[in-house]
């Protein structure tokens, strides 16, 4: 389904999602988005959370150093030269 078709029939695709049917939306022939049932979306989010938690637990089990939130934020907003971005 192209972006143009999806726009023209968005309500229909939302209804299909409520019925458990996903719709893939393409742009120039390549998939770029999907309208999915909310249960599928929530399951995907939960699976991602579980995966990230397992990865974090593995890093902690290896004894790798941890970083506090303040240090993480400072690093995110500081360039490699040590000056604020």
N, C-alpha and C. Protein backbone atom coordinates (compact mmCIF):
# COMPACT_ATOMS: atom_id res chain seq x y z
N UNK A 1 0.85 -1.17 0.00
CA UNK A 1 0.00 0.00 0.00
C UNK A 1 0.90 1.23 0.00
N UNK A 2 0.68 2.13 -0.92
CA UNK A 2 1.50 3.33 -1.00
C UNK A 2 1.05 4.35 0.04
N UNK A 3 1.91 5.34 0.29
CA UNK A 3 1.57 6.41 1.24
C UNK A 3 0.29 7.10 0.77
N UNK A 4 0.20 7.37 -0.51
CA UNK A 4 -0.99 8.05 -1.05
C UNK A 4 -2.25 7.23 -0.78
N UNK A 5 -2.19 5.92 -1.03
CA UNK A 5 -3.35 5.05 -0.78
C UNK A 5 -3.67 5.00 0.71
N UNK A 6 -2.64 4.95 1.54
CA UNK A 6 -2.86 4.90 2.98
C UNK A 6 -3.55 6.16 3.48
N UNK A 7 -3.12 7.31 2.97
CA UNK A 7 -3.76 8.57 3.36
C UNK A 7 -5.23 8.57 2.97
N UNK A 8 -5.50 8.12 1.78
CA UNK A 8 -6.87 8.15 1.26
C UNK A 8 -7.79 7.20 2.01
N UNK A 9 -7.23 6.16 2.61
CA UNK A 9 -8.06 5.13 3.25
C UNK A 9 -7.62 4.84 4.68
N UNK A 10 -7.11 5.86 5.38
CA UNK A 10 -6.57 5.65 6.72
C UNK A 10 -7.60 5.01 7.65
N UNK A 11 -8.82 5.48 7.64
CA UNK A 11 -9.85 4.91 8.53
C UNK A 11 -10.03 3.42 8.27
N UNK A 12 -9.98 3.02 7.01
CA UNK A 12 -10.11 1.60 6.67
C UNK A 12 -8.96 0.79 7.27
N UNK A 13 -7.76 1.34 7.22
CA UNK A 13 -6.59 0.62 7.74
C UNK A 13 -6.63 0.55 9.26
N UNK A 14 -7.14 1.58 9.88
CA UNK A 14 -7.31 1.54 11.34
C UNK A 14 -8.34 0.47 11.70
N UNK A 15 -9.42 0.40 10.95
CA UNK A 15 -10.42 -0.65 11.19
C UNK A 15 -9.81 -2.03 11.01
N UNK A 16 -8.98 -2.19 9.98
CA UNK A 16 -8.32 -3.49 9.75
C UNK A 16 -7.40 -3.82 10.92
N UNK A 17 -6.69 -2.82 11.42
CA UNK A 17 -5.81 -3.06 12.57
C UNK A 17 -6.62 -3.51 13.78
N UNK A 18 -7.77 -2.91 13.98
CA UNK A 18 -8.64 -3.34 15.08
C UNK A 18 -9.08 -4.78 14.92
N UNK A 19 -9.15 -5.24 13.68
CA UNK A 19 -9.53 -6.63 13.39
C UNK A 19 -8.33 -7.57 13.43
N UNK A 20 -7.14 -7.03 13.71
CA UNK A 20 -5.95 -7.86 13.81
C UNK A 20 -5.13 -7.96 12.55
N UNK A 21 -5.41 -7.10 11.58
CA UNK A 21 -4.72 -7.16 10.29
C UNK A 21 -3.77 -5.96 10.15
N UNK A 22 -2.50 -6.24 9.92
CA UNK A 22 -1.52 -5.17 9.72
C UNK A 22 -1.52 -4.71 8.27
N UNK A 23 -1.19 -3.45 8.06
CA UNK A 23 -1.04 -2.89 6.72
C UNK A 23 0.35 -2.29 6.61
N UNK A 24 1.11 -2.72 5.62
CA UNK A 24 2.44 -2.17 5.37
C UNK A 24 2.31 -1.04 4.36
N UNK A 25 2.96 0.07 4.65
CA UNK A 25 2.91 1.25 3.78
C UNK A 25 4.28 1.41 3.12
N UNK A 26 4.25 1.66 1.81
CA UNK A 26 5.50 1.78 1.05
C UNK A 26 5.65 3.18 0.46
N UNK A 27 6.91 3.52 0.22
CA UNK A 27 7.24 4.76 -0.51
C UNK A 27 8.27 4.36 -1.55
N UNK A 28 7.96 4.66 -2.80
CA UNK A 28 8.84 4.27 -3.91
C UNK A 28 9.14 2.77 -3.89
N UNK A 29 8.14 1.97 -3.51
CA UNK A 29 8.27 0.53 -3.52
C UNK A 29 8.94 -0.09 -2.30
N UNK A 30 9.44 0.75 -1.39
CA UNK A 30 10.13 0.23 -0.20
C UNK A 30 9.24 0.41 1.03
N UNK A 31 9.13 -0.61 1.89
CA UNK A 31 8.32 -0.48 3.10
C UNK A 31 8.91 0.58 4.03
N UNK A 32 8.04 1.48 4.53
CA UNK A 32 8.51 2.55 5.41
C UNK A 32 7.74 2.64 6.72
N UNK A 33 6.56 2.03 6.79
CA UNK A 33 5.74 2.12 8.00
C UNK A 33 4.70 1.01 7.98
N UNK A 34 4.02 0.88 9.11
CA UNK A 34 2.94 -0.11 9.18
C UNK A 34 1.88 0.39 10.15
N UNK A 35 0.65 0.06 9.85
CA UNK A 35 -0.46 0.28 10.76
C UNK A 35 -0.77 -1.10 11.31
N UNK A 36 -0.53 -1.29 12.61
CA UNK A 36 -0.64 -2.62 13.21
C UNK A 36 -1.62 -2.60 14.37
N UNK A 37 -2.17 -3.76 14.72
CA UNK A 37 -3.01 -3.83 15.90
C UNK A 37 -2.22 -3.38 17.13
N UNK A 38 -2.86 -2.65 18.03
CA UNK A 38 -2.17 -2.12 19.20
C UNK A 38 -1.56 -3.24 20.04
N UNK A 39 -2.19 -4.38 20.10
CA UNK A 39 -1.64 -5.51 20.87
C UNK A 39 -0.29 -5.94 20.30
N UNK A 40 -0.16 -5.93 18.97
CA UNK A 40 1.12 -6.28 18.34
C UNK A 40 2.18 -5.25 18.68
N UNK A 41 1.80 -3.98 18.61
CA UNK A 41 2.74 -2.90 18.93
C UNK A 41 3.21 -3.00 20.38
N UNK A 42 2.27 -3.22 21.30
CA UNK A 42 2.62 -3.33 22.71
C UNK A 42 3.51 -4.54 22.97
N UNK A 43 3.24 -5.65 22.30
CA UNK A 43 4.07 -6.85 22.44
C UNK A 43 5.49 -6.58 21.94
N UNK A 44 5.61 -5.86 20.84
CA UNK A 44 6.92 -5.52 20.31
C UNK A 44 7.69 -4.63 21.28
N UNK A 45 7.01 -3.62 21.84
CA UNK A 45 7.66 -2.75 22.82
C UNK A 45 8.12 -3.54 24.04
N UNK A 46 7.27 -4.44 24.53
CA UNK A 46 7.63 -5.24 25.71
C UNK A 46 8.81 -6.15 25.40
N UNK A 47 8.81 -6.75 24.23
CA UNK A 47 9.92 -7.63 23.84
C UNK A 47 11.23 -6.84 23.77
N UNK A 48 11.17 -5.63 23.24
CA UNK A 48 12.37 -4.79 23.17
C UNK A 48 12.84 -4.44 24.57
N UNK A 49 11.92 -4.12 25.48
CA UNK A 49 12.29 -3.81 26.86
C UNK A 49 12.97 -5.01 27.53
N UNK A 50 12.42 -6.20 27.32
CA UNK A 50 13.00 -7.42 27.90
C UNK A 50 14.40 -7.65 27.34
N UNK A 51 14.55 -7.49 26.04
CA UNK A 51 15.85 -7.69 25.41
C UNK A 51 16.89 -6.71 25.97
N UNK A 52 16.51 -5.44 26.09
CA UNK A 52 17.45 -4.44 26.62
C UNK A 52 17.79 -4.72 28.08
N UNK A 53 16.81 -5.17 28.86
CA UNK A 53 17.08 -5.51 30.26
C UNK A 53 18.04 -6.68 30.36
N UNK A 54 17.86 -7.68 29.51
CA UNK A 54 18.78 -8.83 29.51
C UNK A 54 20.19 -8.41 29.13
N UNK A 55 20.31 -7.54 28.14
CA UNK A 55 21.62 -7.05 27.75
C UNK A 55 22.28 -6.29 28.89
N UNK A 56 21.51 -5.47 29.59
CA UNK A 56 22.04 -4.71 30.73
C UNK A 56 22.48 -5.65 31.84
N UNK A 57 21.68 -6.67 32.12
CA UNK A 57 22.04 -7.65 33.15
C UNK A 57 23.33 -8.38 32.78
N UNK A 58 23.51 -8.69 31.51
CA UNK A 58 24.72 -9.38 31.06
C UNK A 58 25.94 -8.49 31.25
N UNK A 59 25.81 -7.23 30.94
CA UNK A 59 26.92 -6.29 31.11
C UNK A 59 27.28 -6.17 32.58
N UNK A 60 26.26 -6.07 33.44
CA UNK A 60 26.51 -5.97 34.88
C UNK A 60 27.16 -7.25 35.40
N UNK A 61 26.72 -8.40 34.90
CA UNK A 61 27.28 -9.68 35.35
C UNK A 61 28.75 -9.82 34.97
N UNK A 62 29.15 -9.18 33.87
CA UNK A 62 30.54 -9.23 33.44
C UNK A 62 31.42 -8.30 34.26
N UNK A 63 30.79 -7.49 35.10
CA UNK A 63 31.54 -6.57 35.92
C UNK A 63 31.99 -5.32 35.18
N UNK A 64 31.36 -5.06 34.06
CA UNK A 64 31.71 -3.87 33.29
C UNK A 64 31.36 -2.62 34.10
N UNK A 65 32.11 -1.55 33.88
CA UNK A 65 31.83 -0.32 34.63
C UNK A 65 30.46 0.25 34.25
N UNK A 66 29.84 0.89 35.20
CA UNK A 66 28.54 1.51 34.94
C UNK A 66 28.71 3.02 34.90
N UNK A 67 27.72 3.69 34.35
CA UNK A 67 27.75 5.14 34.21
C UNK A 67 26.49 5.70 34.84
N UNK A 68 26.63 6.72 35.65
CA UNK A 68 25.48 7.37 36.26
C UNK A 68 24.76 8.25 35.25
N UNK A 69 23.52 8.59 35.55
CA UNK A 69 22.71 9.38 34.63
C UNK A 69 23.35 10.74 34.37
N UNK A 70 23.90 11.39 35.40
CA UNK A 70 24.52 12.71 35.21
C UNK A 70 25.70 12.61 34.25
N UNK A 71 26.51 11.57 34.41
CA UNK A 71 27.66 11.38 33.52
C UNK A 71 27.21 11.08 32.10
N UNK A 72 26.17 10.27 31.97
CA UNK A 72 25.64 9.94 30.65
C UNK A 72 25.14 11.20 29.94
N UNK A 73 24.36 11.99 30.64
CA UNK A 73 23.82 13.22 30.04
C UNK A 73 24.94 14.19 29.69
N UNK A 74 25.91 14.33 30.57
CA UNK A 74 27.04 15.21 30.28
C UNK A 74 27.76 14.75 29.03
N UNK A 75 27.95 13.46 28.88
CA UNK A 75 28.63 12.91 27.71
C UNK A 75 27.81 13.14 26.45
N UNK A 76 26.51 13.02 26.55
CA UNK A 76 25.64 13.22 25.38
C UNK A 76 25.70 14.65 24.87
N UNK A 77 25.84 15.60 25.78
CA UNK A 77 25.80 17.01 25.39
C UNK A 77 27.17 17.67 25.34
N UNK A 78 28.21 16.87 25.33
CA UNK A 78 29.57 17.39 25.24
C UNK A 78 30.24 16.78 24.02
N UNK A 79 30.93 17.62 23.25
CA UNK A 79 31.64 17.06 22.10
C UNK A 79 32.93 16.40 22.56
N UNK A 80 33.64 15.76 21.65
CA UNK A 80 34.84 15.00 22.00
C UNK A 80 35.97 15.88 22.50
N UNK A 81 35.92 17.18 22.21
CA UNK A 81 36.96 18.08 22.68
C UNK A 81 36.72 18.57 24.10
N UNK A 82 35.63 18.13 24.72
CA UNK A 82 35.35 18.50 26.10
C UNK A 82 34.57 19.79 26.25
N UNK A 83 34.20 20.42 25.13
CA UNK A 83 33.40 21.65 25.18
C UNK A 83 31.95 21.32 24.95
N UNK A 84 31.06 22.11 25.55
CA UNK A 84 29.62 21.89 25.35
C UNK A 84 29.27 22.07 23.90
N UNK A 85 28.39 21.21 23.41
CA UNK A 85 28.01 21.26 21.99
C UNK A 85 27.06 22.39 21.73
